[in-house]
Amino acid sequence: MSIYLQKYTNEASRFLVFDGTLVHYRDEGEGPVLLLIHGAFSSLHTFDQWVAELKNSFRIIRIDLPGFGLSQARIDHKYDVDTYIRCLNTVLKLLDVESCSVAGSSLGGWLAWEFALEQPQKVDKLILIDSAGFLDEKSIPLPFRMARTPFVNKIVRYIIKKNVLEVFLRQVYGDSSKITPELVDRYYDLFSREGNPEAFFALVNGKFKDNTHQLSHIKAPTLIMWGEKDEWLPVANGYRFLSEIPQARMIIYEDLGHIPMEEDPHHTAIDAKAFLLDITLAEAEKSVSDKSPSERTKSD
């Protein structure tokens, strides 16, 4: 683990113990608290550029979920929504955070809206980025369906090689030319850490309760961000969230894929900042104007 610690930690990296599991987190910036939750195959590093853009306006807390990134895999192999929400609560309690805004990508989006349902008093605003949570077959990404195939999870370490991870990255980016060798290395290094592949397969093969019928009970104002070129979760799912969550609005990024905040951190961060602080795009962007906001499609 020492090699990964040297390569993928920085001065903001900290660790805590949750249920006997070592959890990596970072706490950076000043201002209203913003909790960021990554998706499957990923880690807190997916938000690196968002933090760079937003830490002057927000105190940003992000964690590697147990079984991902630099956090340890759980001894009991328990990876479910309730366990992850308990982990989020543990981190917030440790850091003396009574309420915050929450943004989550894919699996992280699922955890974010479940957290908003379970702990409405703790969620000021909610951002769902190509969020998971609908459990019908067409809403489950292909790699997840593959991972549920009998026998596949027995040979996980032989299947998920670096070239396979690169294929997955090309699927989640709208513009594959943005994928660098360093990016592929990061995803592969952190996914293939001891215990993490098994954690992923335990997660996707777990039993989940479909709580999407409760989306109408979400009280927090919600921004839905979606990449129109998302090959894992169709933009139609974004509209499903939009129709179910009472105080929701949606931004569709025409040229982006499944992880728009990583593929285009600058413009997605501007939209997030404007939403979270109730300011205009011009105020959020300040003097930066290298691309017109008109390139985005918005739905209220």
C-alpha atoms as a PDB file:
ATOM      1  CA  MET A   1       0.000   0.000   0.000  1.00  0.00           C
ATOM      2  CA  SER A   2       2.975   2.336   0.564  1.00  0.00           C
ATOM      3  CA  ILE A   3       3.472   2.820  -3.200  1.00  0.00           C
ATOM      4  CA  TYR A   4      -0.139   3.894  -3.602  1.00  0.00           C
ATOM      5  CA  LEU A   5       0.039   6.128  -0.539  1.00  0.00           C
ATOM      6  CA  GLN A   6       2.986   7.998  -1.982  1.00  0.00           C
ATOM      7  CA  LYS A   7       1.392   8.314  -5.410  1.00  0.00           C
ATOM      8  CA  TYR A   8      -2.236   9.062  -4.575  1.00  0.00           C
ATOM      9  CA  THR A   9      -2.218  10.994  -1.306  1.00  0.00           C
ATOM     10  CA  ASN A  10      -1.426  14.655  -0.748  1.00  0.00           C
ATOM     11  CA  GLU A  11      -1.130  17.069   2.164  1.00  0.00           C
ATOM     12  CA  ALA A  12      -4.925  17.065   2.602  1.00  0.00           C
ATOM     13  CA  SER A  13      -5.185  13.265   2.875  1.00  0.00           C
ATOM     14  CA  ARG A  14      -6.353  11.871   6.189  1.00  0.00           C
ATOM     15  CA  PHE A  15      -7.547   8.474   7.430  1.00  0.00           C
ATOM     16  CA  LEU A  16     -10.200   7.406   9.914  1.00  0.00           C
ATOM     17  CA  VAL A  17     -11.462   4.056  11.130  1.00  0.00           C
ATOM     18  CA  PHE A  18     -15.035   3.037  10.300  1.00  0.00           C
ATOM     19  CA  ASP A  19     -16.236  -0.416  11.413  1.00  0.00           C
ATOM     20  CA  GLY A  20     -12.623  -1.515  11.697  1.00  0.00           C
ATOM     21  CA  THR A  21     -11.887  -0.345   8.156  1.00  0.00           C
ATOM     22  CA  LEU A  22      -9.368   2.374   7.310  1.00  0.00           C
ATOM     23  CA  VAL A  23     -11.066   5.095   5.237  1.00  0.00           C
ATOM     24  CA  HIS A  24      -9.204   7.739   3.221  1.00  0.00           C
ATOM     25  CA  TYR A  25     -10.723  11.234   3.081  1.00  0.00           C
ATOM     26  CA  ARG A  26      -9.779  14.827   2.326  1.00  0.00           C
ATOM     27  CA  ASP A  27     -11.056  18.060   3.875  1.00  0.00           C
ATOM     28  CA  GLU A  28     -10.086  21.201   1.938  1.00  0.00           C
ATOM     29  CA  GLY A  29     -11.123  24.820   1.449  1.00  0.00           C
ATOM     30  CA  GLU A  30     -13.286  27.250   3.370  1.00  0.00           C
ATOM     31  CA  GLY A  31     -16.954  28.182   3.214  1.00  0.00           C
ATOM     32  CA  PRO A  32     -20.239  26.242   3.167  1.00  0.00           C
ATOM     33  CA  VAL A  33     -19.596  22.507   3.382  1.00  0.00           C
ATOM     34  CA  LEU A  34     -19.856  20.425   0.207  1.00  0.00           C
ATOM     35  CA  LEU A  35     -19.635  16.621   0.445  1.00  0.00           C
ATOM     36  CA  LEU A  36     -18.519  14.851  -2.759  1.00  0.00           C
ATOM     37  CA  ILE A  37     -19.190  11.139  -3.385  1.00  0.00           C
ATOM     38  CA  HIS A  38     -17.538   9.236  -6.228  1.00  0.00           C
ATOM     39  CA  GLY A  39     -18.930   6.372  -8.302  1.00  0.00           C
ATOM     40  CA  ALA A  40     -17.990   2.726  -8.810  1.00  0.00           C
ATOM     41  CA  PHE A  41     -14.641   1.952 -10.499  1.00  0.00           C
ATOM     42  CA  SER A  42     -13.615   5.363  -9.150  1.00  0.00           C
ATOM     43  CA  SER A  43     -12.192   7.241  -6.161  1.00  0.00           C
ATOM     44  CA  LEU A  44     -12.230  10.710  -4.602  1.00  0.00           C
ATOM     45  CA  HIS A  45      -9.633  11.716  -7.223  1.00  0.00           C
ATOM     46  CA  THR A  46     -12.406  11.999  -9.803  1.00  0.00           C
ATOM     47  CA  PHE A  47     -13.218  15.359  -8.158  1.00  0.00           C
ATOM     48  CA  ASP A  48      -9.653  16.726  -8.109  1.00  0.00           C
ATOM     49  CA  GLN A  49     -10.334  19.503 -10.582  1.00  0.00           C
ATOM     50  CA  TRP A  50     -13.679  20.398  -9.014  1.00  0.00           C
ATOM     51  CA  VAL A  51     -11.842  20.911  -5.729  1.00  0.00           C
ATOM     52  CA  ALA A  52      -9.290  23.120  -7.457  1.00  0.00           C
ATOM     53  CA  GLU A  53     -12.137  25.197  -8.927  1.00  0.00           C
ATOM     54  CA  LEU A  54     -14.326  25.366  -5.821  1.00  0.00           C
ATOM     55  CA  LYS A  55     -12.175  25.240  -2.682  1.00  0.00           C
ATOM     56  CA  ASN A  56     -11.974  29.040  -2.477  1.00  0.00           C
ATOM     57  CA  SER A  57     -15.761  29.111  -2.082  1.00  0.00           C
ATOM     58  CA  PHE A  58     -16.502  25.893  -0.182  1.00  0.00           C
ATOM     59  CA  ARG A  59     -15.145  23.586   2.458  1.00  0.00           C
ATOM     60  CA  ILE A  60     -15.000  20.361   0.440  1.00  0.00           C
ATOM     61  CA  ILE A  61     -15.081  16.944   2.074  1.00  0.00           C
ATOM     62  CA  ARG A  62     -14.661  13.812  -0.019  1.00  0.00           C
ATOM     63  CA  ILE A  63     -13.975  10.196   0.845  1.00  0.00           C
ATOM     64  CA  ASP A  64     -12.888   6.992  -0.801  1.00  0.00           C
ATOM     65  CA  LEU A  65     -15.817   4.707  -0.101  1.00  0.00           C
ATOM     66  CA  PRO A  66     -14.748   1.465   1.636  1.00  0.00           C
ATOM     67  CA  GLY A  67     -13.534  -0.940  -1.042  1.00  0.00           C
ATOM     68  CA  PHE A  68     -12.534   1.879  -3.402  1.00  0.00           C
ATOM     69  CA  GLY A  69      -9.505   4.120  -3.859  1.00  0.00           C
ATOM     70  CA  LEU A  70      -7.187   4.083  -0.854  1.00  0.00           C
ATOM     71  CA  SER A  71      -9.833   2.963   1.629  1.00  0.00           C
ATOM     72  CA  GLN A  72      -9.635  -0.622   2.803  1.00  0.00           C
ATOM     73  CA  ALA A  73     -12.055  -3.315   1.768  1.00  0.00           C
ATOM     74  CA  ARG A  74     -14.476  -4.355   4.498  1.00  0.00           C
ATOM     75  CA  ILE A  75     -13.707  -7.535   6.412  1.00  0.00           C
ATOM     76  CA  ASP A  76     -17.394  -8.523   6.354  1.00  0.00           C
ATOM     77  CA  HIS A  77     -17.674  -7.835   2.587  1.00  0.00           C
ATOM     78  CA  LYS A  78     -20.759  -5.736   3.284  1.00  0.00           C
ATOM     79  CA  TYR A  79     -21.249  -3.073   0.610  1.00  0.00           C
ATOM     80  CA  ASP A  80     -24.773  -1.716   0.611  1.00  0.00           C
ATOM     81  CA  VAL A  81     -26.497   1.636   0.692  1.00  0.00           C
ATOM     82  CA  ASP A  82     -27.132   1.586   4.450  1.00  0.00           C
ATOM     83  CA  THR A  83     -23.489   0.781   5.218  1.00  0.00           C
ATOM     84  CA  TYR A  84     -22.195   3.558   2.988  1.00  0.00           C
ATOM     85  CA  ILE A  85     -24.649   6.060   4.475  1.00  0.00           C
ATOM     86  CA  ARG A  86     -23.447   5.126   7.960  1.00  0.00           C
ATOM     87  CA  CYS A  87     -19.917   5.766   6.742  1.00  0.00           C
ATOM     88  CA  LEU A  88     -20.890   9.213   5.442  1.00  0.00           C
ATOM     89  CA  ASN A  89     -22.534  10.009   8.775  1.00  0.00           C
ATOM     90  CA  THR A  90     -19.404   8.893  10.633  1.00  0.00           C
ATOM     91  CA  VAL A  91     -17.183  11.178   8.567  1.00  0.00           C
ATOM     92  CA  LEU A  92     -19.482  14.181   8.975  1.00  0.00           C
ATOM     93  CA  LYS A  93     -19.791  13.620  12.729  1.00  0.00           C
ATOM     94  CA  LEU A  94     -16.021  13.334  13.105  1.00  0.00           C
ATOM     95  CA  LEU A  95     -15.570  16.603  11.230  1.00  0.00           C
ATOM     96  CA  ASP A  96     -18.312  18.372  13.236  1.00  0.00           C
ATOM     97  CA  VAL A  97     -20.537  18.931  10.191  1.00  0.00           C
ATOM     98  CA  GLU A  98     -24.219  19.208  11.075  1.00  0.00           C
ATOM     99  CA  SER A  99     -25.445  19.909   7.542  1.00  0.00           C
ATOM    100  CA  CYS A 100     -23.974  20.308   4.079  1.00  0.00           C
ATOM    101  CA  SER A 101     -24.683  20.183   0.387  1.00  0.00           C
ATOM    102  CA  VAL A 102     -24.051  16.806  -1.226  1.00  0.00           C
ATOM    103  CA  ALA A 103     -22.945  16.002  -4.782  1.00  0.00           C
ATOM    104  CA  GLY A 104     -22.550  12.474  -6.067  1.00  0.00           C
ATOM    105  CA  SER A 105     -21.543  10.827  -9.334  1.00  0.00           C
ATOM    106  CA  SER A 106     -23.200   7.611 -10.552  1.00  0.00           C
ATOM    107  CA  LEU A 107     -23.149   5.291  -7.502  1.00  0.00           C
ATOM    108  CA  GLY A 108     -22.266   8.381  -5.476  1.00  0.00           C
ATOM    109  CA  GLY A 109     -25.371  10.090  -6.808  1.00  0.00           C
ATOM    110  CA  TRP A 110     -27.442   7.134  -5.660  1.00  0.00           C
ATOM    111  CA  LEU A 111     -25.922   7.368  -2.186  1.00  0.00           C
ATOM    112  CA  ALA A 112     -26.463  11.140  -2.217  1.00  0.00           C
ATOM    113  CA  TRP A 113     -30.205  10.983  -2.867  1.00  0.00           C
ATOM    114  CA  GLU A 114     -30.674   8.068  -0.446  1.00  0.00           C
ATOM    115  CA  PHE A 115     -28.795  10.124   2.155  1.00  0.00           C
ATOM    116  CA  ALA A 116     -31.106  13.087   1.449  1.00  0.00           C
ATOM    117  CA  LEU A 117     -34.112  10.848   2.030  1.00  0.00           C
ATOM    118  CA  GLU A 118     -32.772   9.327   5.236  1.00  0.00           C
ATOM    119  CA  GLN A 119     -31.185  12.476   6.709  1.00  0.00           C
ATOM    120  CA  PRO A 120     -33.139  15.422   5.234  1.00  0.00           C
ATOM    121  CA  GLN A 121     -32.027  17.745   8.028  1.00  0.00           C
ATOM    122  CA  LYS A 122     -28.382  17.211   7.033  1.00  0.00           C
ATOM    123  CA  VAL A 123     -28.710  18.005   3.306  1.00  0.00           C
ATOM    124  CA  ASP A 124     -28.927  21.659   2.295  1.00  0.00           C
ATOM    125  CA  LYS A 125     -28.744  21.127  -1.459  1.00  0.00           C
ATOM    126  CA  LEU A 126     -28.283  18.093  -3.676  1.00  0.00           C
ATOM    127  CA  ILE A 127     -26.394  17.582  -6.944  1.00  0.00           C
ATOM    128  CA  LEU A 128     -26.922  14.333  -8.863  1.00  0.00           C
ATOM    129  CA  ILE A 129     -24.326  13.685 -11.582  1.00  0.00           C
ATOM    130  CA  ASP A 130     -25.437  10.926 -13.987  1.00  0.00           C
ATOM    131  CA  SER A 131     -26.890   9.269 -10.930  1.00  0.00           C
ATOM    132  CA  ALA A 132     -27.644   5.600 -10.479  1.00  0.00           C
ATOM    133  CA  GLY A 133     -30.509   4.226  -8.415  1.00  0.00           C
ATOM    134  CA  PHE A 134     -33.128   3.009 -10.867  1.00  0.00           C
ATOM    135  CA  LEU A 135     -32.907  -0.767 -10.776  1.00  0.00           C
ATOM    136  CA  ASP A 136     -34.618  -1.834 -13.988  1.00  0.00           C
ATOM    137  CA  GLU A 137     -32.362  -3.772 -16.362  1.00  0.00           C
ATOM    138  CA  LYS A 138     -31.835  -0.929 -18.862  1.00  0.00           C
ATOM    139  CA  SER A 139     -30.624   1.314 -16.027  1.00  0.00           C
ATOM    140  CA  ILE A 140     -27.788  -1.006 -15.011  1.00  0.00           C
ATOM    141  CA  PRO A 141     -24.511  -0.342 -16.899  1.00  0.00           C
ATOM    142  CA  LEU A 142     -23.067  -3.156 -19.026  1.00  0.00           C
ATOM    143  CA  PRO A 143     -19.983  -3.740 -16.803  1.00  0.00           C
ATOM    144  CA  PHE A 144     -22.321  -4.211 -13.836  1.00  0.00           C
ATOM    145  CA  ARG A 145     -24.467  -6.693 -15.727  1.00  0.00           C
ATOM    146  CA  MET A 146     -21.290  -8.557 -16.718  1.00  0.00           C
ATOM    147  CA  ALA A 147     -20.139  -8.605 -13.114  1.00  0.00           C
ATOM    148  CA  ARG A 148     -23.357 -10.355 -12.127  1.00  0.00           C
ATOM    149  CA  THR A 149     -22.637 -13.208 -14.525  1.00  0.00           C
ATOM    150  CA  PRO A 150     -21.957 -16.512 -12.732  1.00  0.00           C
ATOM    151  CA  PHE A 151     -18.283 -17.512 -12.725  1.00  0.00           C
ATOM    152  CA  VAL A 152     -17.107 -14.031 -13.790  1.00  0.00           C
ATOM    153  CA  ASN A 153     -16.648 -12.888 -10.202  1.00  0.00           C
ATOM    154  CA  LYS A 154     -14.460 -15.925  -9.575  1.00  0.00           C
ATOM    155  CA  ILE A 155     -11.871 -14.733 -12.099  1.00  0.00           C
ATOM    156  CA  VAL A 156     -12.120 -10.977 -11.508  1.00  0.00           C
ATOM    157  CA  ARG A 157      -8.379 -10.356 -11.245  1.00  0.00           C
ATOM    158  CA  TYR A 158      -7.827 -12.032 -14.606  1.00  0.00           C
ATOM    159  CA  ILE A 159     -10.571 -10.061 -16.369  1.00  0.00           C
ATOM    160  CA  ILE A 160     -10.097  -6.477 -15.227  1.00  0.00           C
ATOM    161  CA  LYS A 161      -6.741  -5.696 -16.800  1.00  0.00           C
ATOM    162  CA  LYS A 162      -5.492  -2.218 -17.626  1.00  0.00           C
ATOM    163  CA  ASN A 163      -6.709  -2.440 -21.235  1.00  0.00           C
ATOM    164  CA  VAL A 164     -10.195  -3.373 -20.002  1.00  0.00           C
ATOM    165  CA  LEU A 165     -10.251  -0.374 -17.662  1.00  0.00           C
ATOM    166  CA  GLU A 166      -9.224   1.798 -20.602  1.00  0.00           C
ATOM    167  CA  VAL A 167     -12.178   0.471 -22.607  1.00  0.00           C
ATOM    168  CA  PHE A 168     -14.480   1.376 -19.713  1.00  0.00           C
ATOM    169  CA  LEU A 169     -12.950   4.866 -19.551  1.00  0.00           C
ATOM    170  CA  ARG A 170     -13.568   5.354 -23.253  1.00  0.00           C
ATOM    171  CA  GLN A 171     -17.188   4.454 -22.621  1.00  0.00           C
ATOM    172  CA  VAL A 172     -17.629   6.982 -19.800  1.00  0.00           C
ATOM    173  CA  TYR A 173     -15.926   9.896 -21.573  1.00  0.00           C
ATOM    174  CA  GLY A 174     -17.775  11.678 -24.368  1.00  0.00           C
ATOM    175  CA  ASP A 175     -14.431  12.623 -25.917  1.00  0.00           C
ATOM    176  CA  SER A 176     -11.973   9.758 -25.609  1.00  0.00           C
ATOM    177  CA  SER A 177      -9.093  11.982 -26.758  1.00  0.00           C
ATOM    178  CA  LYS A 178      -9.109  13.423 -23.223  1.00  0.00           C
ATOM    179  CA  ILE A 179      -8.067  10.069 -21.779  1.00  0.00           C
ATOM    180  CA  THR A 180      -4.383  10.160 -20.880  1.00  0.00           C
ATOM    181  CA  PRO A 181      -2.058   7.317 -19.852  1.00  0.00           C
ATOM    182  CA  GLU A 182      -1.896   8.900 -16.393  1.00  0.00           C
ATOM    183  CA  LEU A 183      -5.681   8.746 -16.105  1.00  0.00           C
ATOM    184  CA  VAL A 184      -5.725   5.070 -17.115  1.00  0.00           C
ATOM    185  CA  ASP A 185      -2.965   4.346 -14.605  1.00  0.00           C
ATOM    186  CA  ARG A 186      -4.877   6.032 -11.793  1.00  0.00           C
ATOM    187  CA  TYR A 187      -8.088   4.142 -12.441  1.00  0.00           C
ATOM    188  CA  TYR A 188      -6.283   0.830 -12.790  1.00  0.00           C
ATOM    189  CA  ASP A 189      -3.957   1.286  -9.803  1.00  0.00           C
ATOM    190  CA  LEU A 190      -6.786   2.175  -7.444  1.00  0.00           C
ATOM    191  CA  PHE A 191      -9.288  -0.353  -8.780  1.00  0.00           C
ATOM    192  CA  SER A 192      -6.775  -3.217  -8.647  1.00  0.00           C
ATOM    193  CA  ARG A 193      -5.586  -2.545  -5.078  1.00  0.00           C
ATOM    194  CA  GLU A 194      -5.818  -5.548  -2.784  1.00  0.00           C
ATOM    195  CA  GLY A 195      -9.450  -6.206  -1.904  1.00  0.00           C
ATOM    196  CA  ASN A 196     -10.938  -3.593  -4.235  1.00  0.00           C
ATOM    197  CA  PRO A 197     -11.858  -5.853  -7.193  1.00  0.00           C
ATOM    198  CA  GLU A 198     -13.589  -8.258  -4.825  1.00  0.00           C
ATOM    199  CA  ALA A 199     -15.357  -5.332  -3.142  1.00  0.00           C
ATOM    200  CA  PHE A 200     -16.680  -4.136  -6.494  1.00  0.00           C
ATOM    201  CA  PHE A 201     -18.052  -7.560  -7.384  1.00  0.00           C
ATOM    202  CA  ALA A 202     -19.572  -7.942  -3.922  1.00  0.00           C
ATOM    203  CA  LEU A 203     -21.230  -4.552  -4.365  1.00  0.00           C
ATOM    204  CA  VAL A 204     -22.788  -5.202  -7.768  1.00  0.00           C
ATOM    205  CA  ASN A 205     -23.928  -8.679  -6.754  1.00  0.00           C
ATOM    206  CA  GLY A 206     -25.596  -7.434  -3.593  1.00  0.00           C
ATOM    207  CA  LYS A 207     -29.315  -7.108  -3.025  1.00  0.00           C
ATOM    208  CA  PHE A 208     -30.693  -3.581  -3.244  1.00  0.00           C
ATOM    209  CA  LYS A 209     -34.042  -2.094  -2.375  1.00  0.00           C
ATOM    210  CA  ASP A 210     -35.565   0.154  -5.013  1.00  0.00           C
ATOM    211  CA  ASN A 211     -36.393   3.399  -3.206  1.00  0.00           C
ATOM    212  CA  THR A 212     -36.977   5.529  -6.305  1.00  0.00           C
ATOM    213  CA  HIS A 213     -40.684   5.638  -5.431  1.00  0.00           C
ATOM    214  CA  GLN A 214     -39.638   7.919  -2.545  1.00  0.00           C
ATOM    215  CA  LEU A 215     -37.821  10.485  -4.711  1.00  0.00           C
ATOM    216  CA  SER A 216     -40.833  12.790  -4.414  1.00  0.00           C
ATOM    217  CA  HIS A 217     -40.056  13.081  -0.680  1.00  0.00           C
ATOM    218  CA  ILE A 218     -36.674  14.727  -1.233  1.00  0.00           C
ATOM    219  CA  LYS A 219     -36.844  18.180   0.327  1.00  0.00           C
ATOM    220  CA  ALA A 220     -33.504  19.609  -0.772  1.00  0.00           C
ATOM    221  CA  PRO A 221     -33.290  21.799  -3.893  1.00  0.00           C
ATOM    222  CA  THR A 222     -31.669  19.543  -6.479  1.00  0.00           C
ATOM    223  CA  LEU A 223     -29.499  20.063  -9.546  1.00  0.00           C
ATOM    224  CA  ILE A 224     -29.323  17.153 -11.973  1.00  0.00           C
ATOM    225  CA  MET A 225     -26.252  17.109 -14.234  1.00  0.00           C
ATOM    226  CA  TRP A 226     -26.138  14.670 -17.125  1.00  0.00           C
ATOM    227  CA  GLY A 227     -23.805  13.978 -20.027  1.00  0.00           C
ATOM    228  CA  GLU A 228     -25.862  13.441 -23.152  1.00  0.00           C
ATOM    229  CA  LYS A 229     -23.246  10.979 -24.454  1.00  0.00           C
ATOM    230  CA  ASP A 230     -23.485   8.809 -21.349  1.00  0.00           C
ATOM    231  CA  GLU A 231     -23.252   5.200 -22.572  1.00  0.00           C
ATOM    232  CA  TRP A 232     -23.758   3.703 -19.109  1.00  0.00           C
ATOM    233  CA  LEU A 233     -26.849   5.544 -17.865  1.00  0.00           C
ATOM    234  CA  PRO A 234     -29.101   7.126 -20.501  1.00  0.00           C
ATOM    235  CA  VAL A 235     -30.084  10.767 -20.271  1.00  0.00           C
ATOM    236  CA  ALA A 236     -33.676   9.529 -20.037  1.00  0.00           C
ATOM    237  CA  ASN A 237     -32.852   8.564 -16.458  1.00  0.00           C
ATOM    238  CA  GLY A 238     -31.985  12.185 -15.763  1.00  0.00           C
ATOM    239  CA  TYR A 239     -35.443  13.176 -16.881  1.00  0.00           C
ATOM    240  CA  ARG A 240     -36.882  10.506 -14.605  1.00  0.00           C
ATOM    241  CA  PHE A 241     -35.145  12.125 -11.635  1.00  0.00           C
ATOM    242  CA  LEU A 242     -36.307  15.525 -12.856  1.00  0.00           C
ATOM    243  CA  SER A 243     -39.939  14.410 -12.965  1.00  0.00           C
ATOM    244  CA  GLU A 244     -39.840  12.784  -9.522  1.00  0.00           C
ATOM    245  CA  ILE A 245     -37.859  15.221  -7.360  1.00  0.00           C
ATOM    246  CA  PRO A 246     -39.980  18.288  -6.429  1.00  0.00           C
ATOM    247  CA  GLN A 247     -37.378  21.096  -6.403  1.00  0.00           C
ATOM    248  CA  ALA A 248     -35.221  19.881  -9.273  1.00  0.00           C
ATOM    249  CA  ARG A 249     -33.687  21.412 -12.358  1.00  0.00           C
ATOM    250  CA  MET A 250     -31.480  19.761 -14.933  1.00  0.00           C
ATOM    251  CA  ILE A 251     -28.456  20.591 -17.067  1.00  0.00           C
ATOM    252  CA  ILE A 252     -27.581  18.403 -20.036  1.00  0.00           C
ATOM    253  CA  TYR A 253     -24.019  18.551 -21.327  1.00  0.00           C
ATOM    254  CA  GLU A 254     -24.242  17.778 -25.006  1.00  0.00           C
ATOM    255  CA  ASP A 255     -20.643  16.648 -25.599  1.00  0.00           C
ATOM    256  CA  LEU A 256     -19.932  14.889 -22.310  1.00  0.00           C
ATOM    257  CA  GLY A 257     -20.287  11.330 -21.071  1.00  0.00           C
ATOM    258  CA  HIS A 258     -20.945   9.565 -17.781  1.00  0.00           C
ATOM    259  CA  ILE A 259     -18.596  11.615 -15.582  1.00  0.00           C
ATOM    260  CA  PRO A 260     -19.037  15.228 -16.773  1.00  0.00           C
ATOM    261  CA  MET A 261     -17.452  16.730 -13.660  1.00  0.00           C
ATOM    262  CA  GLU A 262     -14.187  14.936 -14.508  1.00  0.00           C
ATOM    263  CA  GLU A 263     -14.360  15.376 -18.287  1.00  0.00           C
ATOM    264  CA  ASP A 264     -15.163  19.105 -18.139  1.00  0.00           C
ATOM    265  CA  PRO A 265     -14.536  20.196 -14.548  1.00  0.00           C
ATOM    266  CA  HIS A 266     -14.415  23.917 -15.299  1.00  0.00           C
ATOM    267  CA  HIS A 267     -17.887  24.443 -16.720  1.00  0.00           C
ATOM    268  CA  THR A 268     -19.590  21.860 -14.529  1.00  0.00           C
ATOM    269  CA  ALA A 269     -18.000  23.483 -11.461  1.00  0.00           C
ATOM    270  CA  ILE A 270     -19.329  26.878 -12.553  1.00  0.00           C
ATOM    271  CA  ASP A 271     -22.840  25.432 -12.795  1.00  0.00           C
ATOM    272  CA  ALA A 272     -22.466  23.769  -9.403  1.00  0.00           C
ATOM    273  CA  LYS A 273     -21.202  26.954  -7.784  1.00  0.00           C
ATOM    274  CA  ALA A 274     -24.023  29.052  -9.255  1.00  0.00           C
ATOM    275  CA  PHE A 275     -26.603  26.552  -8.001  1.00  0.00           C
ATOM    276  CA  LEU A 276     -25.123  26.101  -4.526  1.00  0.00           C
ATOM    277  CA  LEU A 277     -24.639  29.836  -3.866  1.00  0.00           C
ATOM    278  CA  ASP A 278     -27.774  31.037  -5.671  1.00  0.00           C
ATOM    279  CA  ILE A 279     -25.784  33.313  -7.962  1.00  0.00           C
ATOM    280  CA  THR A 280     -25.717  33.852 -11.720  1.00  0.00           C
ATOM    281  CA  LEU A 281     -23.390  31.979 -14.046  1.00  0.00           C
ATOM    282  CA  ALA A 282     -21.587  35.222 -14.745  1.00  0.00           C
ATOM    283  CA  GLU A 283     -20.984  35.743 -11.026  1.00  0.00           C
ATOM    284  CA  ALA A 284     -19.833  32.137 -10.642  1.00  0.00           C
ATOM    285  CA  GLU A 285     -17.523  32.359 -13.591  1.00  0.00           C
ATOM    286  CA  LYS A 286     -16.246  35.828 -12.716  1.00  0.00           C
ATOM    287  CA  SER A 287     -13.661  36.823 -15.314  1.00  0.00           C
ATOM    288  CA  VAL A 288     -13.288  33.396 -16.915  1.00  0.00           C
ATOM    289  CA  SER A 289     -14.999  33.309 -20.300  1.00  0.00           C
ATOM    290  CA  ASP A 290     -13.149  30.881 -22.545  1.00  0.00           C
ATOM    291  CA  LYS A 291     -16.385  29.115 -23.500  1.00  0.00           C
ATOM    292  CA  SER A 292     -19.931  30.399 -23.734  1.00  0.00           C
ATOM    293  CA  PRO A 293     -22.529  29.028 -21.286  1.00  0.00           C
ATOM    294  CA  SER A 294     -24.876  28.872 -24.292  1.00  0.00           C
ATOM    295  CA  GLU A 295     -23.199  25.581 -25.263  1.00  0.00           C
ATOM    296  CA  ARG A 296     -25.149  23.923 -22.451  1.00  0.00           C
ATOM    297  CA  THR A 297     -28.748  22.740 -22.709  1.00  0.00           C
ATOM    298  CA  LYS A 298     -30.898  23.468 -19.654  1.00  0.00           C
ATOM    299  CA  SER A 299     -34.248  22.056 -18.586  1.00  0.00           C
ATOM    300  CA  ASP A 300     -36.260  23.369 -15.638  1.00  0.00           C
END
